[in-house]
Amino acid sequence: MLLMVCSLIAVVDGDTVKCDGESIRLIGNGAPFKSGFDTPETYRPQCQQELELGRAATARMRELVRDAVGIEDTGKHDRYGRVLGRLVLKNGKTAGEVLIEEGYAKPWKPNSNIDWCR
């Protein structure tokens, strides 16, 4: 894996960042397209609860970015052309691991549909 070192990491939402302007869809520790994590949507949420949870996840991601050492580039892209990568923190964990542990995100698998409005 290639470690991308960014001079500026901007947070888009709880699972997307920009590394020097390039969009990165953050994934979990498993293989791309096989496992990952999902955070609630802030753009077109299904309900008010999802919007509030999404804002909280985004705020937490902004905190985690301060402890980032870089982004592992998996060499893969999602259907929107975003790089699939992992935000690696100083403690060796990924942002996805921390967000799941703290309840801001849920593990994701292919064909899973996470309902944040229940």
Protein backbone atom coordinates (compact mmCIF):
# COMPACT_ATOMS: atom_id res chain seq x y z
CA MET A 1 0.00 0.00 0.00
CA LEU A 2 1.12 3.51 -0.78
CA LEU A 3 0.93 6.03 2.06
CA MET A 4 -0.33 9.37 0.80
CA VAL A 5 1.07 12.26 2.80
CA CYS A 6 -1.22 15.27 2.55
CA SER A 7 -0.30 18.87 3.22
CA LEU A 8 -4.02 19.52 3.78
CA ILE A 9 -6.77 17.05 4.71
CA ALA A 10 -10.26 18.53 4.46
CA VAL A 11 -13.22 16.66 5.94
CA VAL A 12 -16.22 16.29 3.62
CA ASP A 13 -18.28 14.10 5.96
CA GLY A 14 -17.81 11.19 8.35
CA ASP A 15 -16.37 8.82 5.75
CA THR A 16 -14.98 11.10 3.04
CA VAL A 17 -11.99 13.45 3.12
CA LYS A 18 -9.96 15.37 0.57
CA CYS A 19 -6.19 15.00 0.47
CA ASP A 20 -4.82 18.14 -1.17
CA GLY A 21 -8.11 18.41 -3.08
CA GLU A 22 -8.41 14.75 -4.11
CA SER A 23 -11.54 12.98 -2.80
CA ILE A 24 -10.86 9.90 -0.67
CA ARG A 25 -13.64 7.50 0.37
CA LEU A 26 -12.42 6.02 3.63
CA ILE A 27 -12.81 2.28 4.08
CA GLY A 28 -12.27 -0.21 6.88
CA ASN A 29 -9.34 -2.53 7.44
CA GLY A 30 -10.61 -5.29 5.16
CA ALA A 31 -10.37 -5.60 1.40
CA PRO A 32 -11.84 -2.82 -0.75
CA PHE A 33 -15.44 -3.57 -1.83
CA LYS A 34 -15.59 -6.41 0.75
CA SER A 35 -15.74 -4.54 4.05
CA GLY A 36 -15.65 -1.06 5.41
CA PHE A 37 -17.58 1.38 7.52
CA ASP A 38 -20.49 3.70 6.96
CA THR A 39 -21.46 6.94 8.66
CA PRO A 40 -24.83 8.67 8.54
CA GLU A 41 -25.45 11.01 5.61
CA THR A 42 -25.34 14.78 5.92
CA TYR A 43 -26.24 15.26 2.24
CA ARG A 44 -29.80 14.11 1.59
CA PRO A 45 -30.34 12.25 4.87
CA GLN A 46 -33.45 10.08 5.17
CA CYS A 47 -34.55 11.72 8.44
CA GLN A 48 -33.59 14.40 10.95
CA GLN A 49 -31.96 11.80 13.21
CA GLU A 50 -29.63 10.71 10.40
CA LEU A 51 -28.67 14.34 9.74
CA GLU A 52 -27.83 14.92 13.40
CA LEU A 53 -25.84 11.68 13.64
CA GLY A 54 -24.05 12.57 10.40
CA ARG A 55 -23.07 15.97 11.73
CA ALA A 56 -21.69 14.34 14.89
CA ALA A 57 -19.67 11.82 12.82
CA THR A 58 -18.32 14.64 10.66
CA ALA A 59 -17.30 16.62 13.74
CA ARG A 60 -15.50 13.58 15.17
CA MET A 61 -13.71 13.02 11.85
CA ARG A 62 -12.46 16.61 12.01
CA GLU A 63 -10.91 15.79 15.39
CA LEU A 64 -9.38 12.53 14.13
CA VAL A 65 -7.78 14.24 11.12
CA ARG A 66 -5.58 16.19 13.53
CA ASP A 67 -3.97 12.87 14.59
CA ALA A 68 -3.51 11.53 11.06
CA VAL A 69 -0.11 10.46 9.76
CA GLY A 70 -1.39 9.88 6.24
CA ILE A 71 -3.79 7.96 4.05
CA GLU A 72 -3.19 4.41 2.83
CA ASP A 73 -4.10 4.34 -0.86
CA THR A 74 -5.56 0.93 -1.76
CA GLY A 75 -5.07 1.55 -5.48
CA LYS A 76 -8.83 1.14 -5.99
CA HIS A 77 -11.57 3.67 -6.78
CA ASP A 78 -15.28 3.70 -6.04
CA ARG A 79 -18.03 4.19 -8.63
CA TYR A 80 -17.73 7.97 -8.23
CA GLY A 81 -14.00 7.93 -9.00
CA ARG A 82 -12.90 8.54 -5.42
CA VAL A 83 -9.73 6.87 -4.17
CA LEU A 84 -10.48 4.16 -1.60
CA GLY A 85 -8.18 4.63 1.37
CA ARG A 86 -7.66 4.41 5.10
CA LEU A 87 -6.92 7.40 7.31
CA VAL A 88 -4.07 6.17 9.53
CA LEU A 89 -3.72 7.76 12.96
CA LYS A 90 -0.61 8.25 15.12
CA ASN A 91 -1.72 5.41 17.43
CA GLY A 92 -1.73 2.95 14.50
CA LYS A 93 -5.51 2.68 14.29
CA THR A 94 -7.58 3.85 11.35
CA ALA A 95 -10.25 6.51 11.57
CA GLY A 96 -12.83 3.88 10.63
CA GLU A 97 -11.88 1.69 13.59
CA VAL A 98 -12.22 4.61 15.99
CA LEU A 99 -15.55 5.77 14.55
CA ILE A 100 -17.00 2.26 14.86
CA GLU A 101 -15.64 1.83 18.41
CA GLU A 102 -17.15 5.15 19.46
CA GLY A 103 -20.53 4.55 17.78
CA TYR A 104 -20.24 7.20 15.05
CA ALA A 105 -20.10 4.55 12.31
CA LYS A 106 -21.24 1.00 11.64
CA PRO A 107 -19.39 -1.82 9.90
CA TRP A 108 -20.34 -2.11 6.23
CA LYS A 109 -20.51 -5.17 3.96
CA PRO A 110 -21.56 -5.35 0.28
CA ASN A 111 -25.32 -5.15 -0.26
CA SER A 112 -25.89 -3.98 3.32
CA ASN A 113 -28.33 -1.15 3.84
CA ILE A 114 -27.84 0.66 7.12
CA ASP A 115 -30.95 2.45 8.38
CA TRP A 116 -29.95 5.38 10.59
CA CYS A 117 -33.59 6.42 11.12
CA ARG A 118 -34.67 3.51 13.35
